[in-house]
């Protein structure tokens, strides 16, 4: 993907420097408590200083990202900016206003509007705060664990999560959640698969528009298709346990995910996006 030197989204909250669950200091209240206890115990001012120092947290080494990580952060911000441009234009075509989501880049763990999450959760969208969360280490996980290399594999993942934001703005997430509350686990999972496949379709629509702008390189769509296939429920379950349990699928099979992504890419609009009415996925 041609991304260097292009506009980066400003709707970004970079929390990498606070990653890893670093504790905070005593604070003023804590210092006063330590001081009071020390003086009441017969200590002097020097004892107060020593006790406060002993209760202070260990010095935390400043986080310094590598150049590779900084390049990846810049790339993700450019991709996010492209989603802003594409969906603003598409919403206008349908007489609606697109509300920008926020991109939160974190390291190791993060507190979101949907609760605490670790990097093991993978990239996710939180409808409560309308934000996309991503730990940049997922790029290497895509490549090393799932065999999905290339920058556009990561771009697809970001676009998929933004697809959930589009669903949120259109009220689809709330509708699905309300329906799932009335269903058993298997039926609720089936509904979630349709939700995820629609997000894959929306990622494909975005890819079509970016391709039309001349930003894609040869092979980019193949990278996205490979990534969609690599994170299909059946593929992941086979890797983890050696067999598949279709009733437990929540995102769709490898074939379904790559096909819905490609369908969105080929149409470039919302004409075939209704995964909920489709007889066959």
C-alpha atoms as a PDB file:
ATOM      1  CA  UNK A   1       0.000   0.000   0.000  1.00  0.00           C
ATOM      2  CA  UNK A   2       1.237   3.470  -0.844  1.00  0.00           C
ATOM      3  CA  UNK A   3       1.082   5.225   2.516  1.00  0.00           C
ATOM      4  CA  UNK A   4       4.295   7.129   3.241  1.00  0.00           C
ATOM      5  CA  UNK A   5       3.954  10.890   3.337  1.00  0.00           C
ATOM      6  CA  UNK A   6       0.159  10.783   3.346  1.00  0.00           C
ATOM      7  CA  UNK A   7      -2.374  12.213   5.799  1.00  0.00           C
ATOM      8  CA  UNK A   8      -2.521  10.554   9.197  1.00  0.00           C
ATOM      9  CA  UNK A   9      -5.663  10.592  11.287  1.00  0.00           C
ATOM     10  CA  UNK A  10      -5.674  13.048  14.173  1.00  0.00           C
ATOM     11  CA  UNK A  11      -8.373  11.060  15.970  1.00  0.00           C
ATOM     12  CA  UNK A  12      -5.765   8.943  17.719  1.00  0.00           C
ATOM     13  CA  UNK A  13      -5.084   8.216  21.367  1.00  0.00           C
ATOM     14  CA  UNK A  14      -1.612   6.696  21.625  1.00  0.00           C
ATOM     15  CA  UNK A  15      -1.317   4.981  25.006  1.00  0.00           C
ATOM     16  CA  UNK A  16       1.784   2.903  24.356  1.00  0.00           C
ATOM     17  CA  UNK A  17       3.867   4.837  26.868  1.00  0.00           C
ATOM     18  CA  UNK A  18       1.514   3.811  29.688  1.00  0.00           C
ATOM     19  CA  UNK A  19       1.305   0.136  28.704  1.00  0.00           C
ATOM     20  CA  UNK A  20       2.224  -2.863  30.808  1.00  0.00           C
ATOM     21  CA  UNK A  21       0.206  -1.994  33.895  1.00  0.00           C
ATOM     22  CA  UNK A  22       2.737   0.436  35.439  1.00  0.00           C
ATOM     23  CA  UNK A  23       1.657   1.510  38.919  1.00  0.00           C
ATOM     24  CA  UNK A  24       1.273   5.120  40.022  1.00  0.00           C
ATOM     25  CA  UNK A  25       3.065   6.916  42.846  1.00  0.00           C
ATOM     26  CA  UNK A  26       1.764   7.593  46.351  1.00  0.00           C
ATOM     27  CA  UNK A  27       0.178  10.930  45.531  1.00  0.00           C
ATOM     28  CA  UNK A  28      -0.252  13.782  48.020  1.00  0.00           C
ATOM     29  CA  UNK A  29      -2.743  11.928  50.216  1.00  0.00           C
ATOM     30  CA  UNK A  30      -0.457   8.923  50.477  1.00  0.00           C
ATOM     31  CA  UNK A  31       2.538  11.072  51.362  1.00  0.00           C
ATOM     32  CA  UNK A  32       0.594  12.836  54.147  1.00  0.00           C
ATOM     33  CA  UNK A  33      -0.516   9.499  55.604  1.00  0.00           C
ATOM     34  CA  UNK A  34       3.052   8.168  55.665  1.00  0.00           C
ATOM     35  CA  UNK A  35       4.272  11.416  57.217  1.00  0.00           C
ATOM     36  CA  UNK A  36       1.600  11.393  59.935  1.00  0.00           C
ATOM     37  CA  UNK A  37       2.262   7.772  60.895  1.00  0.00           C
ATOM     38  CA  UNK A  38       6.014   8.390  61.050  1.00  0.00           C
ATOM     39  CA  UNK A  39       5.725  11.496  63.265  1.00  0.00           C
ATOM     40  CA  UNK A  40       3.149   9.867  65.571  1.00  0.00           C
ATOM     41  CA  UNK A  41       5.571   6.988  66.033  1.00  0.00           C
ATOM     42  CA  UNK A  42       8.225   9.354  67.331  1.00  0.00           C
ATOM     43  CA  UNK A  43      10.126   9.828  64.102  1.00  0.00           C
ATOM     44  CA  UNK A  44      11.613  13.121  62.936  1.00  0.00           C
ATOM     45  CA  UNK A  45      11.511  14.935  59.589  1.00  0.00           C
ATOM     46  CA  UNK A  46      14.409  12.858  58.239  1.00  0.00           C
ATOM     47  CA  UNK A  47      12.488   9.670  59.040  1.00  0.00           C
ATOM     48  CA  UNK A  48       9.513  11.049  57.086  1.00  0.00           C
ATOM     49  CA  UNK A  49      11.673  11.547  54.017  1.00  0.00           C
ATOM     50  CA  UNK A  50      13.138   8.038  54.275  1.00  0.00           C
ATOM     51  CA  UNK A  51       9.706   6.395  54.692  1.00  0.00           C
ATOM     52  CA  UNK A  52       8.176   8.268  51.772  1.00  0.00           C
ATOM     53  CA  UNK A  53      11.128   7.260  49.608  1.00  0.00           C
ATOM     54  CA  UNK A  54      10.847   3.601  50.630  1.00  0.00           C
ATOM     55  CA  UNK A  55       7.140   3.558  49.720  1.00  0.00           C
ATOM     56  CA  UNK A  56       7.682   5.133  46.315  1.00  0.00           C
ATOM     57  CA  UNK A  57       7.417   2.861  43.261  1.00  0.00           C
ATOM     58  CA  UNK A  58      10.548   1.668  41.521  1.00  0.00           C
ATOM     59  CA  UNK A  59      11.812   3.884  38.734  1.00  0.00           C
ATOM     60  CA  UNK A  60      10.113   2.894  35.490  1.00  0.00           C
ATOM     61  CA  UNK A  61      12.234   2.903  32.379  1.00  0.00           C
ATOM     62  CA  UNK A  62      10.896   5.231  29.707  1.00  0.00           C
ATOM     63  CA  UNK A  63       9.255   3.372  26.855  1.00  0.00           C
ATOM     64  CA  UNK A  64      11.063   3.869  23.565  1.00  0.00           C
ATOM     65  CA  UNK A  65       9.432   2.305  20.495  1.00  0.00           C
ATOM     66  CA  UNK A  66      11.601   0.945  17.722  1.00  0.00           C
ATOM     67  CA  UNK A  67      11.660   2.624  14.326  1.00  0.00           C
ATOM     68  CA  UNK A  68       9.796  -0.367  12.912  1.00  0.00           C
ATOM     69  CA  UNK A  69       7.025   0.131  15.451  1.00  0.00           C
ATOM     70  CA  UNK A  70       6.865   3.855  14.745  1.00  0.00           C
ATOM     71  CA  UNK A  71       6.531   3.135  11.028  1.00  0.00           C
ATOM     72  CA  UNK A  72       3.731   0.700  11.783  1.00  0.00           C
ATOM     73  CA  UNK A  73       1.959   3.268  13.970  1.00  0.00           C
ATOM     74  CA  UNK A  74       2.198   5.816  11.155  1.00  0.00           C
ATOM     75  CA  UNK A  75       0.859   3.249   8.690  1.00  0.00           C
ATOM     76  CA  UNK A  76      -2.147   2.443  10.885  1.00  0.00           C
ATOM     77  CA  UNK A  77      -2.892   6.157  11.280  1.00  0.00           C
ATOM     78  CA  UNK A  78      -2.846   6.590   7.491  1.00  0.00           C
ATOM     79  CA  UNK A  79      -5.191   3.622   7.070  1.00  0.00           C
ATOM     80  CA  UNK A  80      -7.489   5.111   9.695  1.00  0.00           C
ATOM     81  CA  UNK A  81      -7.454   8.439   7.851  1.00  0.00           C
ATOM     82  CA  UNK A  82      -8.441   6.614   4.670  1.00  0.00           C
ATOM     83  CA  UNK A  83     -11.403   5.028   6.445  1.00  0.00           C
ATOM     84  CA  UNK A  84     -12.476   8.507   7.546  1.00  0.00           C
ATOM     85  CA  UNK A  85     -12.379   9.786   3.976  1.00  0.00           C
ATOM     86  CA  UNK A  86     -14.115   6.775   2.438  1.00  0.00           C
ATOM     87  CA  UNK A  87     -16.939   6.505   4.954  1.00  0.00           C
ATOM     88  CA  UNK A  88     -17.540  10.242   5.067  1.00  0.00           C
ATOM     89  CA  UNK A  89     -18.070  10.146   1.306  1.00  0.00           C
ATOM     90  CA  UNK A  90     -20.248   7.022   1.381  1.00  0.00           C
ATOM     91  CA  UNK A  91     -22.436   8.296   4.208  1.00  0.00           C
ATOM     92  CA  UNK A  92     -22.988  11.532   2.298  1.00  0.00           C
ATOM     93  CA  UNK A  93     -24.116   9.508  -0.707  1.00  0.00           C
ATOM     94  CA  UNK A  94     -26.781   7.904   1.471  1.00  0.00           C
ATOM     95  CA  UNK A  95     -27.812  11.221   3.023  1.00  0.00           C
ATOM     96  CA  UNK A  96     -26.139  10.579   6.367  1.00  0.00           C
ATOM     97  CA  UNK A  97     -23.310  12.118   8.378  1.00  0.00           C
ATOM     98  CA  UNK A  98     -20.345   9.965   9.330  1.00  0.00           C
ATOM     99  CA  UNK A  99     -19.120  10.377  12.890  1.00  0.00           C
ATOM    100  CA  UNK A 100     -15.407   9.635  13.175  1.00  0.00           C
ATOM    101  CA  UNK A 101     -14.386   6.846  15.543  1.00  0.00           C
ATOM    102  CA  UNK A 102     -11.256   7.101  17.668  1.00  0.00           C
ATOM    103  CA  UNK A 103      -8.168   4.960  17.245  1.00  0.00           C
ATOM    104  CA  UNK A 104      -6.520   3.816  20.473  1.00  0.00           C
ATOM    105  CA  UNK A 105      -3.039   2.359  20.097  1.00  0.00           C
ATOM    106  CA  UNK A 106      -1.982   0.494  23.227  1.00  0.00           C
ATOM    107  CA  UNK A 107       0.716  -1.836  24.477  1.00  0.00           C
ATOM    108  CA  UNK A 108       0.090  -5.046  26.439  1.00  0.00           C
ATOM    109  CA  UNK A 109      -3.198  -3.998  28.077  1.00  0.00           C
ATOM    110  CA  UNK A 110      -5.785  -1.241  28.016  1.00  0.00           C
ATOM    111  CA  UNK A 111      -8.895   0.029  29.763  1.00  0.00           C
ATOM    112  CA  UNK A 112     -11.686   0.679  27.265  1.00  0.00           C
ATOM    113  CA  UNK A 113     -15.281   1.796  27.559  1.00  0.00           C
ATOM    114  CA  UNK A 114     -16.152  -1.897  27.245  1.00  0.00           C
ATOM    115  CA  UNK A 115     -13.840  -2.995  30.062  1.00  0.00           C
ATOM    116  CA  UNK A 116     -10.255  -4.140  30.489  1.00  0.00           C
ATOM    117  CA  UNK A 117      -8.533  -5.928  27.605  1.00  0.00           C
ATOM    118  CA  UNK A 118      -5.105  -7.412  26.986  1.00  0.00           C
ATOM    119  CA  UNK A 119      -3.155  -7.677  23.759  1.00  0.00           C
ATOM    120  CA  UNK A 120      -4.259 -11.321  23.590  1.00  0.00           C
ATOM    121  CA  UNK A 121      -7.791 -10.075  22.903  1.00  0.00           C
ATOM    122  CA  UNK A 122      -6.642  -8.854  19.512  1.00  0.00           C
ATOM    123  CA  UNK A 123      -7.856  -5.666  17.820  1.00  0.00           C
ATOM    124  CA  UNK A 124     -11.431  -4.782  18.755  1.00  0.00           C
ATOM    125  CA  UNK A 125     -14.103  -2.119  18.455  1.00  0.00           C
ATOM    126  CA  UNK A 126     -15.854  -0.787  21.554  1.00  0.00           C
ATOM    127  CA  UNK A 127     -19.284   0.694  20.771  1.00  0.00           C
ATOM    128  CA  UNK A 128     -19.511   2.296  24.224  1.00  0.00           C
ATOM    129  CA  UNK A 129     -16.752   4.800  23.431  1.00  0.00           C
ATOM    130  CA  UNK A 130     -16.836   4.414  19.629  1.00  0.00           C
ATOM    131  CA  UNK A 131     -13.159   3.506  19.507  1.00  0.00           C
ATOM    132  CA  UNK A 132     -10.996   0.978  17.696  1.00  0.00           C
ATOM    133  CA  UNK A 133      -8.319  -0.563  19.930  1.00  0.00           C
ATOM    134  CA  UNK A 134      -5.160  -2.143  18.579  1.00  0.00           C
ATOM    135  CA  UNK A 135      -1.838  -3.339  19.943  1.00  0.00           C
ATOM    136  CA  UNK A 136       0.713  -3.038  17.137  1.00  0.00           C
ATOM    137  CA  UNK A 137       2.210  -6.404  18.080  1.00  0.00           C
ATOM    138  CA  UNK A 138      -0.764  -7.931  16.269  1.00  0.00           C
ATOM    139  CA  UNK A 139       1.088  -7.234  13.020  1.00  0.00           C
ATOM    140  CA  UNK A 140       3.716  -9.821  13.948  1.00  0.00           C
ATOM    141  CA  UNK A 141       1.046 -12.189  15.240  1.00  0.00           C
ATOM    142  CA  UNK A 142      -0.706 -12.019  11.874  1.00  0.00           C
ATOM    143  CA  UNK A 143       2.555 -12.826  10.150  1.00  0.00           C
ATOM    144  CA  UNK A 144       4.043 -15.406  12.505  1.00  0.00           C
ATOM    145  CA  UNK A 145       1.020 -17.180  13.980  1.00  0.00           C
ATOM    146  CA  UNK A 146      -1.480 -16.897  11.142  1.00  0.00           C
ATOM    147  CA  UNK A 147       0.868 -16.724   8.169  1.00  0.00           C
ATOM    148  CA  UNK A 148      -0.781 -13.525   6.945  1.00  0.00           C
ATOM    149  CA  UNK A 149       2.074 -11.197   6.041  1.00  0.00           C
ATOM    150  CA  UNK A 150       2.049  -7.837   4.290  1.00  0.00           C
ATOM    151  CA  UNK A 151       0.960  -4.367   5.304  1.00  0.00           C
ATOM    152  CA  UNK A 152      -2.478  -4.691   3.725  1.00  0.00           C
ATOM    153  CA  UNK A 153      -3.245  -7.670   5.956  1.00  0.00           C
ATOM    154  CA  UNK A 154      -3.025  -5.241   8.870  1.00  0.00           C
ATOM    155  CA  UNK A 155      -4.982  -2.627   6.912  1.00  0.00           C
ATOM    156  CA  UNK A 156      -7.802  -5.134   6.439  1.00  0.00           C
ATOM    157  CA  UNK A 157      -7.956  -5.775  10.192  1.00  0.00           C
ATOM    158  CA  UNK A 158      -8.250  -2.045  10.911  1.00  0.00           C
ATOM    159  CA  UNK A 159     -10.893  -1.617   8.193  1.00  0.00           C
ATOM    160  CA  UNK A 160     -12.867  -4.567   9.602  1.00  0.00           C
ATOM    161  CA  UNK A 161     -12.997  -2.959  13.056  1.00  0.00           C
ATOM    162  CA  UNK A 162     -14.055   0.346  11.496  1.00  0.00           C
ATOM    163  CA  UNK A 163     -16.763  -1.691   9.769  1.00  0.00           C
ATOM    164  CA  UNK A 164     -18.165  -2.410  13.230  1.00  0.00           C
ATOM    165  CA  UNK A 165     -18.223   1.341  13.863  1.00  0.00           C
ATOM    166  CA  UNK A 166     -20.271   1.791  10.690  1.00  0.00           C
ATOM    167  CA  UNK A 167     -22.655  -0.898  11.962  1.00  0.00           C
ATOM    168  CA  UNK A 168     -22.853   0.923  15.282  1.00  0.00           C
ATOM    169  CA  UNK A 169     -23.721   4.262  13.682  1.00  0.00           C
ATOM    170  CA  UNK A 170     -26.453   2.604  11.622  1.00  0.00           C
ATOM    171  CA  UNK A 171     -27.970   0.911  14.671  1.00  0.00           C
ATOM    172  CA  UNK A 172     -27.113  -2.600  13.534  1.00  0.00           C
ATOM    173  CA  UNK A 173     -25.036  -3.516  16.595  1.00  0.00           C
ATOM    174  CA  UNK A 174     -27.888  -2.628  18.952  1.00  0.00           C
ATOM    175  CA  UNK A 175     -30.393  -4.582  16.864  1.00  0.00           C
ATOM    176  CA  UNK A 176     -28.194  -7.665  16.849  1.00  0.00           C
ATOM    177  CA  UNK A 177     -27.509  -7.435  20.576  1.00  0.00           C
ATOM    178  CA  UNK A 178     -31.240  -7.180  21.295  1.00  0.00           C
ATOM    179  CA  UNK A 179     -31.993 -10.218  19.147  1.00  0.00           C
ATOM    180  CA  UNK A 180     -29.150 -12.254  20.648  1.00  0.00           C
ATOM    181  CA  UNK A 181     -30.579 -11.711  24.128  1.00  0.00           C
ATOM    182  CA  UNK A 182     -33.657 -13.691  23.059  1.00  0.00           C
ATOM    183  CA  UNK A 183     -31.766 -16.588  21.481  1.00  0.00           C
ATOM    184  CA  UNK A 184     -29.911 -19.638  22.714  1.00  0.00           C
ATOM    185  CA  UNK A 185     -26.120 -19.745  22.444  1.00  0.00           C
ATOM    186  CA  UNK A 186     -25.999 -21.496  19.067  1.00  0.00           C
ATOM    187  CA  UNK A 187     -28.482 -19.136  17.412  1.00  0.00           C
ATOM    188  CA  UNK A 188     -26.779 -16.117  18.983  1.00  0.00           C
ATOM    189  CA  UNK A 189     -23.463 -17.302  17.550  1.00  0.00           C
ATOM    190  CA  UNK A 190     -25.026 -17.659  14.097  1.00  0.00           C
ATOM    191  CA  UNK A 191     -26.228 -14.070  14.281  1.00  0.00           C
ATOM    192  CA  UNK A 192     -22.770 -12.920  15.340  1.00  0.00           C
ATOM    193  CA  UNK A 193     -21.232 -14.666  12.324  1.00  0.00           C
ATOM    194  CA  UNK A 194     -23.517 -12.640  10.050  1.00  0.00           C
ATOM    195  CA  UNK A 195     -22.470  -9.477  11.870  1.00  0.00           C
ATOM    196  CA  UNK A 196     -18.775 -10.250  11.394  1.00  0.00           C
ATOM    197  CA  UNK A 197     -19.177 -11.174   7.730  1.00  0.00           C
ATOM    198  CA  UNK A 198     -20.905  -7.873   7.119  1.00  0.00           C
ATOM    199  CA  UNK A 199     -17.925  -6.102   8.717  1.00  0.00           C
ATOM    200  CA  UNK A 200     -15.675  -8.050   6.334  1.00  0.00           C
ATOM    201  CA  UNK A 201     -17.834  -6.861   3.442  1.00  0.00           C
ATOM    202  CA  UNK A 202     -17.501  -3.260   4.639  1.00  0.00           C
ATOM    203  CA  UNK A 203     -13.729  -3.672   4.810  1.00  0.00           C
ATOM    204  CA  UNK A 204     -13.895  -4.797   1.182  1.00  0.00           C
ATOM    205  CA  UNK A 205     -15.908  -1.718   0.209  1.00  0.00           C
ATOM    206  CA  UNK A 206     -13.235   0.437   1.817  1.00  0.00           C
ATOM    207  CA  UNK A 207     -10.492  -1.441  -0.059  1.00  0.00           C
ATOM    208  CA  UNK A 208     -12.329  -0.838  -3.336  1.00  0.00           C
ATOM    209  CA  UNK A 209     -12.449   2.902  -2.728  1.00  0.00           C
ATOM    210  CA  UNK A 210      -8.801   3.107  -1.671  1.00  0.00           C
ATOM    211  CA  UNK A 211      -7.851   1.120  -4.758  1.00  0.00           C
ATOM    212  CA  UNK A 212      -9.782   3.623  -6.842  1.00  0.00           C
ATOM    213  CA  UNK A 213      -7.684   6.398  -5.317  1.00  0.00           C
ATOM    214  CA  UNK A 214      -4.565   4.658  -6.603  1.00  0.00           C
ATOM    215  CA  UNK A 215      -3.142   3.756  -3.192  1.00  0.00           C
ATOM    216  CA  UNK A 216      -2.995  -0.033  -3.502  1.00  0.00           C
ATOM    217  CA  UNK A 217       0.001  -1.994  -4.697  1.00  0.00           C
ATOM    218  CA  UNK A 218      -0.120  -5.193  -6.702  1.00  0.00           C
ATOM    219  CA  UNK A 219      -0.871  -8.052  -4.335  1.00  0.00           C
ATOM    220  CA  UNK A 220      -2.524  -5.969  -1.598  1.00  0.00           C
ATOM    221  CA  UNK A 221      -5.960  -7.515  -2.069  1.00  0.00           C
ATOM    222  CA  UNK A 222      -4.380 -10.969  -1.949  1.00  0.00           C
ATOM    223  CA  UNK A 223      -2.795 -10.033   1.393  1.00  0.00           C
ATOM    224  CA  UNK A 224      -6.180  -8.985   2.773  1.00  0.00           C
ATOM    225  CA  UNK A 225      -7.875 -12.126   1.453  1.00  0.00           C
ATOM    226  CA  UNK A 226      -5.170 -14.293   2.988  1.00  0.00           C
ATOM    227  CA  UNK A 227      -5.581 -12.542   6.337  1.00  0.00           C
ATOM    228  CA  UNK A 228      -9.374 -12.973   6.277  1.00  0.00           C
ATOM    229  CA  UNK A 229      -8.932 -16.663   5.515  1.00  0.00           C
ATOM    230  CA  UNK A 230      -6.238 -17.122   8.163  1.00  0.00           C
ATOM    231  CA  UNK A 231      -8.487 -15.887  10.976  1.00  0.00           C
ATOM    232  CA  UNK A 232     -11.556 -17.931  10.061  1.00  0.00           C
ATOM    233  CA  UNK A 233     -13.097 -19.848  12.947  1.00  0.00           C
ATOM    234  CA  UNK A 234     -12.477 -23.242  11.376  1.00  0.00           C
ATOM    235  CA  UNK A 235      -8.808 -22.532  10.718  1.00  0.00           C
ATOM    236  CA  UNK A 236      -8.205 -21.182  14.217  1.00  0.00           C
ATOM    237  CA  UNK A 237      -9.988 -24.106  15.865  1.00  0.00           C
ATOM    238  CA  UNK A 238      -8.050 -26.644  13.819  1.00  0.00           C
ATOM    239  CA  UNK A 239      -4.790 -25.012  14.882  1.00  0.00           C
ATOM    240  CA  UNK A 240      -5.805 -24.861  18.538  1.00  0.00           C
ATOM    241  CA  UNK A 241      -7.526 -28.214  19.073  1.00  0.00           C
ATOM    242  CA  UNK A 242      -7.263 -30.224  15.870  1.00  0.00           C
ATOM    243  CA  UNK A 243     -10.981 -30.233  15.088  1.00  0.00           C
ATOM    244  CA  UNK A 244     -13.829 -27.775  14.520  1.00  0.00           C
ATOM    245  CA  UNK A 245     -17.110 -27.137  16.333  1.00  0.00           C
ATOM    246  CA  UNK A 246     -19.337 -25.230  13.863  1.00  0.00           C
ATOM    247  CA  UNK A 247     -21.960 -24.353  16.498  1.00  0.00           C
ATOM    248  CA  UNK A 248     -19.300 -22.373  18.353  1.00  0.00           C
ATOM    249  CA  UNK A 249     -18.286 -20.253  15.347  1.00  0.00           C
ATOM    250  CA  UNK A 250     -18.623 -16.509  15.998  1.00  0.00           C
ATOM    251  CA  UNK A 251     -16.831 -14.915  13.023  1.00  0.00           C
ATOM    252  CA  UNK A 252     -17.300 -17.277  10.094  1.00  0.00           C
ATOM    253  CA  UNK A 253     -15.187 -19.835   8.273  1.00  0.00           C
ATOM    254  CA  UNK A 254     -12.066 -18.960   6.320  1.00  0.00           C
ATOM    255  CA  UNK A 255     -13.954 -19.357   3.047  1.00  0.00           C
ATOM    256  CA  UNK A 256     -16.847 -17.188   4.213  1.00  0.00           C
ATOM    257  CA  UNK A 257     -14.672 -14.392   5.534  1.00  0.00           C
ATOM    258  CA  UNK A 258     -12.517 -14.104   2.441  1.00  0.00           C
ATOM    259  CA  UNK A 259     -15.582 -14.353   0.167  1.00  0.00           C
ATOM    260  CA  UNK A 260     -17.517 -11.587   1.908  1.00  0.00           C
ATOM    261  CA  UNK A 261     -14.429  -9.389   1.935  1.00  0.00           C
ATOM    262  CA  UNK A 262     -13.990  -9.919  -1.787  1.00  0.00           C
ATOM    263  CA  UNK A 263     -17.696  -9.343  -2.436  1.00  0.00           C
ATOM    264  CA  UNK A 264     -17.412  -5.918  -0.805  1.00  0.00           C
ATOM    265  CA  UNK A 265     -14.288  -5.175  -2.792  1.00  0.00           C
ATOM    266  CA  UNK A 266     -15.922  -6.097  -6.111  1.00  0.00           C
ATOM    267  CA  UNK A 267     -19.107  -4.076  -5.546  1.00  0.00           C
ATOM    268  CA  UNK A 268     -17.566  -1.064  -3.821  1.00  0.00           C
ATOM    269  CA  UNK A 269     -20.945  -0.085  -2.358  1.00  0.00           C
ATOM    270  CA  UNK A 270     -23.654  -1.364  -0.008  1.00  0.00           C
ATOM    271  CA  UNK A 271     -25.762  -3.091  -2.658  1.00  0.00           C
ATOM    272  CA  UNK A 272     -24.907  -6.623  -1.480  1.00  0.00           C
ATOM    273  CA  UNK A 273     -23.995  -6.055   2.143  1.00  0.00           C
ATOM    274  CA  UNK A 274     -27.067  -7.633   3.789  1.00  0.00           C
ATOM    275  CA  UNK A 275     -25.544 -10.725   5.349  1.00  0.00           C
ATOM    276  CA  UNK A 276     -28.547 -11.049   7.665  1.00  0.00           C
ATOM    277  CA  UNK A 277     -30.978 -11.808   4.833  1.00  0.00           C
ATOM    278  CA  UNK A 278     -28.617 -14.055   2.897  1.00  0.00           C
ATOM    279  CA  UNK A 279     -29.848 -17.650   2.666  1.00  0.00           C
ATOM    280  CA  UNK A 280     -26.315 -18.917   2.185  1.00  0.00           C
ATOM    281  CA  UNK A 281     -23.238 -17.414   3.773  1.00  0.00           C
END
